[in-house]
Each structure stands twice: as structure tokens, then as C-alpha cells.
Amino acid sequence: MAGIDWSFIAQKGIEGESEHLTGYVPREGSGFTVGSVDVGMHSGEKYGDLWTMLQSYANKQSPSGAGSINLPLYEKLNPYALRKDVLDEEARKIEFDKDEIEYITQAKRYQYERKLGKMEGWDKIHPKAKTILTSVGWQYGLDSDHFKDLYKLKGDRNKMAEQLIEFGKSEYEERRKLEAKHVKPSEETSYMEQWNKEDNIFA
């Protein structure tokens, strides 16, 4: 989707480009993760979140718009859906090749783009604000308080930056600083954006 800078989100210090060719559990409270996709945040079984994510991406790739789900990959991931009790030691026994990890990553990105695109006012949000909202939503979930609180500030990038710094006081301080730096406008840009909102009757 135009406007989301996935390369920013994928960089070291944000989501990071995982070098694991296995599943893993990055931190306490996380589920079985592949690349940077937490499978434990998805419901399993047929027509659950995981199935829908993979099926939608298969449809996108098919010229007819009706692709066949990657069933072997789904069956590999499904046992870990909606689980937060998987140990890192257990997860690392499940191997993935680079193509599988890339497929899962792209399927998840496509799912996020579709969900975000349906949110009220999304098409009017500044591209840098879209990127940071996506970053926070990817980490915590689109139903999380972190995402919802930040989305309320979507029209004011200075306030978004301030809120990110506030979030960082409790956890992930360095990540929040990188996000705040990315979204915060320069003084000149900030002035122009404020003028457009308050003084320009044609904006």
C-alpha cells in the first residue's frame, strides 16, 4: 500500500530482519514467531485469522483472483495459533526456509494493508504517520490501546511523536525514539501543516 514504508519497519531496532530459519519466541508474552510474524496472535482452524491471511494472499497472487492456499505452510503454522505457552526451545525445533519466511511476511503485510485501508480517515494520513501507526499496530495489534491512542493523534505528527516518547518510558524506549524521530516533522513542515489546518480555508 502506498504510504507505508515497510523498509523502515523491517530495520534493526524496529521489527528487525530475523535471521532465524526456525520458529522462535522473542520475549515473554509472545507466541510462536516466524520472521517477525507472531503466529500466536492469530486464531487457527479453517477460516480463522491464519487461514484467511494465507488464503487472501494466495488470491492476490493468482491472475484469476482465486488462488489455492499454501496448505503445507498453513498446517505447519496452525498448531501454534492463539498460543502463548510455546517455549523458545520448542519453537526452534520447527525449521523454515527463506522462501517460507518471506511468504509469511508478505501475507501478513498484505493483511495489514487491507485492514488499515478500511479504517476511517486512513487515506488522508501522512505517509510517515501511516508507517508509524503500522509499526505500532504490528507490534501490539490493531485492537491494542497503544494503537488506538496513537490513531487518535493521526492528524498531528508532533503529538504522535510526543505520545511515542511517552510510550517508551515504560518499554521499548529505543524503538519508540526511532519511530518518534521518523514521524516528527521538521520545523518548516510543522509550520506548513499547522497553517493548512488552521489558516488555509482552501485546505
Protein backbone atom coordinates (compact mmCIF):
# COMPACT_ATOMS: atom_id res chain seq x y z
CA MET A 1 0.00 0.00 0.00
CA ALA A 2 1.29 3.43 -0.93
CA GLY A 3 2.48 5.34 2.08
CA ILE A 4 3.68 2.51 4.32
CA ASP A 5 7.47 2.30 4.42
CA TRP A 6 7.96 -1.39 5.15
CA SER A 7 11.74 -0.99 4.94
CA PHE A 8 11.60 1.30 7.98
CA ILE A 9 9.53 -1.21 9.93
CA ALA A 10 11.81 -4.11 8.92
CA GLN A 11 15.01 -2.38 10.01
CA LYS A 12 17.09 -3.33 13.03
CA GLY A 13 15.74 -1.57 16.10
CA ILE A 14 12.12 -1.74 14.94
CA GLU A 15 10.87 -5.21 13.93
CA GLY A 16 14.26 -6.27 12.60
CA GLU A 17 15.04 -8.71 9.84
CA SER A 18 15.03 -12.00 11.72
CA GLU A 19 17.87 -14.30 10.76
CA HIS A 20 16.22 -17.28 12.41
CA LEU A 21 15.43 -20.11 9.99
CA THR A 22 13.28 -21.66 12.69
CA GLY A 23 10.38 -20.57 14.78
CA TYR A 24 11.27 -18.69 17.97
CA VAL A 25 9.72 -16.84 20.89
CA PRO A 26 11.32 -13.37 21.02
CA ARG A 27 10.20 -12.35 24.51
CA GLU A 28 7.92 -13.26 27.38
CA GLY A 29 4.29 -12.88 26.36
CA SER A 30 5.00 -13.54 22.68
CA GLY A 31 3.80 -16.54 20.77
CA PHE A 32 5.44 -18.76 18.19
CA THR A 33 7.07 -16.33 15.76
CA VAL A 34 8.32 -16.72 12.19
CA GLY A 35 10.35 -13.81 10.86
CA SER A 36 8.54 -11.03 12.69
CA VAL A 37 5.06 -12.56 12.44
CA ASP A 38 3.66 -13.71 15.79
CA VAL A 39 1.52 -16.72 14.90
CA GLY A 40 0.24 -16.78 18.46
CA MET A 41 -1.76 -13.62 17.76
CA HIS A 42 -3.84 -15.42 15.11
CA SER A 43 -6.79 -17.71 15.52
CA GLY A 44 -6.37 -21.12 13.92
CA GLU A 45 -8.53 -23.70 12.23
CA LYS A 46 -10.16 -23.31 8.83
CA TYR A 47 -11.42 -19.77 8.16
CA GLY A 48 -9.63 -18.42 11.25
CA ASP A 49 -7.20 -15.48 11.08
CA LEU A 50 -4.28 -17.60 9.97
CA TRP A 51 -6.21 -19.37 7.21
CA THR A 52 -7.73 -16.11 5.99
CA MET A 53 -4.36 -14.38 5.90
CA LEU A 54 -2.77 -17.08 3.74
CA GLN A 55 -5.83 -17.52 1.52
CA SER A 56 -6.15 -13.77 0.86
CA TYR A 57 -2.52 -13.56 -0.15
CA ALA A 58 -2.91 -16.58 -2.44
CA ASN A 59 -5.87 -14.84 -4.06
CA LYS A 60 -3.81 -11.69 -4.57
CA GLN A 61 -1.10 -13.65 -6.35
CA SER A 62 -3.50 -15.50 -8.64
CA PRO A 63 -4.40 -13.92 -12.02
CA SER A 64 -7.95 -15.17 -11.52
CA GLY A 65 -8.18 -13.73 -8.01
CA ALA A 66 -8.90 -17.18 -6.58
CA GLY A 67 -5.65 -18.84 -5.57
CA SER A 68 -5.00 -22.07 -3.71
CA ILE A 69 -3.91 -21.67 -0.10
CA ASN A 70 -0.39 -22.81 0.74
CA LEU A 71 -1.69 -25.80 2.68
CA PRO A 72 1.68 -27.25 3.81
CA LEU A 73 2.64 -23.90 5.29
CA TYR A 74 -0.75 -23.48 6.96
CA GLU A 75 -0.51 -26.95 8.51
CA LYS A 76 2.97 -26.12 9.77
CA LEU A 77 1.79 -22.94 11.48
CA ASN A 78 -1.69 -23.88 12.68
CA PRO A 79 -0.62 -25.88 15.80
CA TYR A 80 0.81 -22.65 17.23
CA ALA A 81 -2.14 -20.34 16.54
CA LEU A 82 -3.51 -18.46 19.55
CA ARG A 83 -0.90 -19.99 21.87
CA LYS A 84 1.25 -18.09 24.32
CA ASP A 85 2.59 -21.18 26.06
CA VAL A 86 5.16 -22.21 23.45
CA LEU A 87 8.71 -22.31 24.77
CA ASP A 88 11.53 -20.83 22.71
CA GLU A 89 13.34 -24.18 22.88
CA GLU A 90 10.30 -25.92 21.39
CA ALA A 91 9.80 -23.27 18.69
CA ARG A 92 13.39 -23.53 17.45
CA LYS A 93 12.85 -27.16 16.52
CA ILE A 94 10.50 -26.11 13.70
CA GLU A 95 12.53 -25.17 10.63
CA PHE A 96 11.58 -22.77 7.82
CA ASP A 97 13.37 -21.88 4.63
CA LYS A 98 13.81 -18.28 3.47
CA ASP A 99 11.03 -18.55 0.90
CA GLU A 100 8.54 -19.66 3.57
CA ILE A 101 9.53 -16.79 5.85
CA GLU A 102 9.22 -14.29 3.01
CA TYR A 103 5.81 -15.70 2.05
CA ILE A 104 4.50 -15.41 5.61
CA THR A 105 5.87 -11.88 5.93
CA GLN A 106 4.29 -10.71 2.68
CA ALA A 107 0.98 -12.38 3.52
CA LYS A 108 0.90 -10.60 6.88
CA ARG A 109 1.78 -7.26 5.33
CA TYR A 110 -0.98 -7.65 2.77
CA GLN A 111 -3.46 -8.49 5.55
CA TYR A 112 -2.42 -5.36 7.46
CA GLU A 113 -2.66 -3.14 4.40
CA ARG A 114 -6.23 -4.31 3.78
CA LYS A 115 -7.29 -3.79 7.40
CA LEU A 116 -5.67 -0.38 7.72
CA GLY A 117 -7.08 0.75 4.38
CA LYS A 118 -10.61 0.28 5.74
CA MET A 119 -10.03 2.49 8.79
CA GLU A 120 -11.73 5.86 8.89
CA GLY A 121 -9.54 8.64 7.52
CA TRP A 122 -6.65 6.35 6.57
CA ASP A 123 -6.39 7.73 3.04
CA LYS A 124 -5.81 11.25 4.41
CA ILE A 125 -2.98 10.34 6.79
CA HIS A 126 0.59 11.50 6.05
CA PRO A 127 2.78 8.62 4.75
CA LYS A 128 5.20 8.85 7.69
CA ALA A 129 2.30 8.72 10.14
CA LYS A 130 0.94 5.68 8.28
CA THR A 131 4.29 3.95 8.65
CA ILE A 132 4.49 4.55 12.40
CA LEU A 133 0.88 3.56 13.00
CA THR A 134 1.59 0.35 11.09
CA SER A 135 4.74 -0.25 13.15
CA VAL A 136 2.90 0.11 16.45
CA GLY A 137 -0.05 -1.92 15.21
CA TRP A 138 2.28 -4.69 14.01
CA GLN A 139 3.91 -4.90 17.43
CA TYR A 140 0.85 -4.64 19.67
CA GLY A 141 -2.12 -5.40 17.42
CA LEU A 142 -4.70 -3.11 15.85
CA ASP A 143 -7.05 -3.65 18.80
CA SER A 144 -4.41 -2.60 21.34
CA ASP A 145 -4.64 0.57 23.44
CA HIS A 146 -1.25 1.65 22.09
CA PHE A 147 -2.52 1.65 18.51
CA LYS A 148 -5.89 3.18 19.34
CA ASP A 149 -4.33 6.01 21.39
CA LEU A 150 -1.87 6.80 18.63
CA TYR A 151 -4.53 6.64 15.91
CA LYS A 152 -6.49 9.37 17.67
CA LEU A 153 -3.50 11.66 17.01
CA LYS A 154 -3.09 10.67 13.36
CA GLY A 155 -3.60 14.23 12.10
CA ASP A 156 -0.88 15.77 14.28
CA ARG A 157 2.58 14.27 13.80
CA ASN A 158 4.11 16.35 16.61
CA LYS A 159 1.62 14.93 19.08
CA MET A 160 2.22 11.45 17.70
CA ALA A 161 5.95 11.87 18.37
CA GLU A 162 5.24 13.04 21.92
CA GLN A 163 2.96 10.07 22.56
CA LEU A 164 5.59 7.64 21.26
CA ILE A 165 8.16 9.07 23.67
CA GLU A 166 5.61 8.65 26.45
CA PHE A 167 5.03 5.01 25.45
CA GLY A 168 8.80 4.50 25.55
CA LYS A 169 9.02 5.43 29.21
CA SER A 170 7.51 2.06 30.11
CA GLU A 171 9.05 -0.22 27.44
CA TYR A 172 10.88 -0.34 24.11
CA GLU A 173 12.40 3.10 24.62
CA GLU A 174 14.85 2.95 21.71
CA ARG A 175 12.22 1.70 19.27
CA ARG A 176 9.82 4.44 20.28
CA LYS A 177 12.56 7.07 19.84
CA LEU A 178 13.26 5.84 16.30
CA GLU A 179 9.55 5.96 15.49
CA ALA A 180 9.18 9.44 17.02
CA LYS A 181 12.14 10.73 15.01
CA HIS A 182 10.66 9.31 11.82
CA VAL A 183 7.19 10.78 12.28
CA LYS A 184 8.10 14.17 13.73
CA PRO A 185 8.03 16.87 11.02
CA SER A 186 10.77 19.46 10.57
CA GLU A 187 10.02 22.93 11.94
CA GLU A 188 9.23 24.24 8.46
CA THR A 189 7.00 21.28 7.62
CA SER A 190 5.31 21.51 11.01
CA TYR A 191 4.51 25.19 10.41
CA MET A 192 3.08 24.47 6.96
CA GLU A 193 0.93 21.60 8.23
CA GLN A 194 -0.42 23.79 11.04
CA TRP A 195 -1.16 26.59 8.55
CA ASN A 196 -3.01 24.19 6.30
CA LYS A 197 -5.19 23.01 9.18
CA GLU A 198 -5.98 26.36 10.79
CA ASP A 199 -5.50 29.23 8.36
CA ASN A 200 -5.88 27.96 4.84
CA ILE A 201 -9.57 28.00 4.01
CA PHE A 202 -8.82 26.12 0.81
CA ALA A 203 -7.04 23.16 2.54
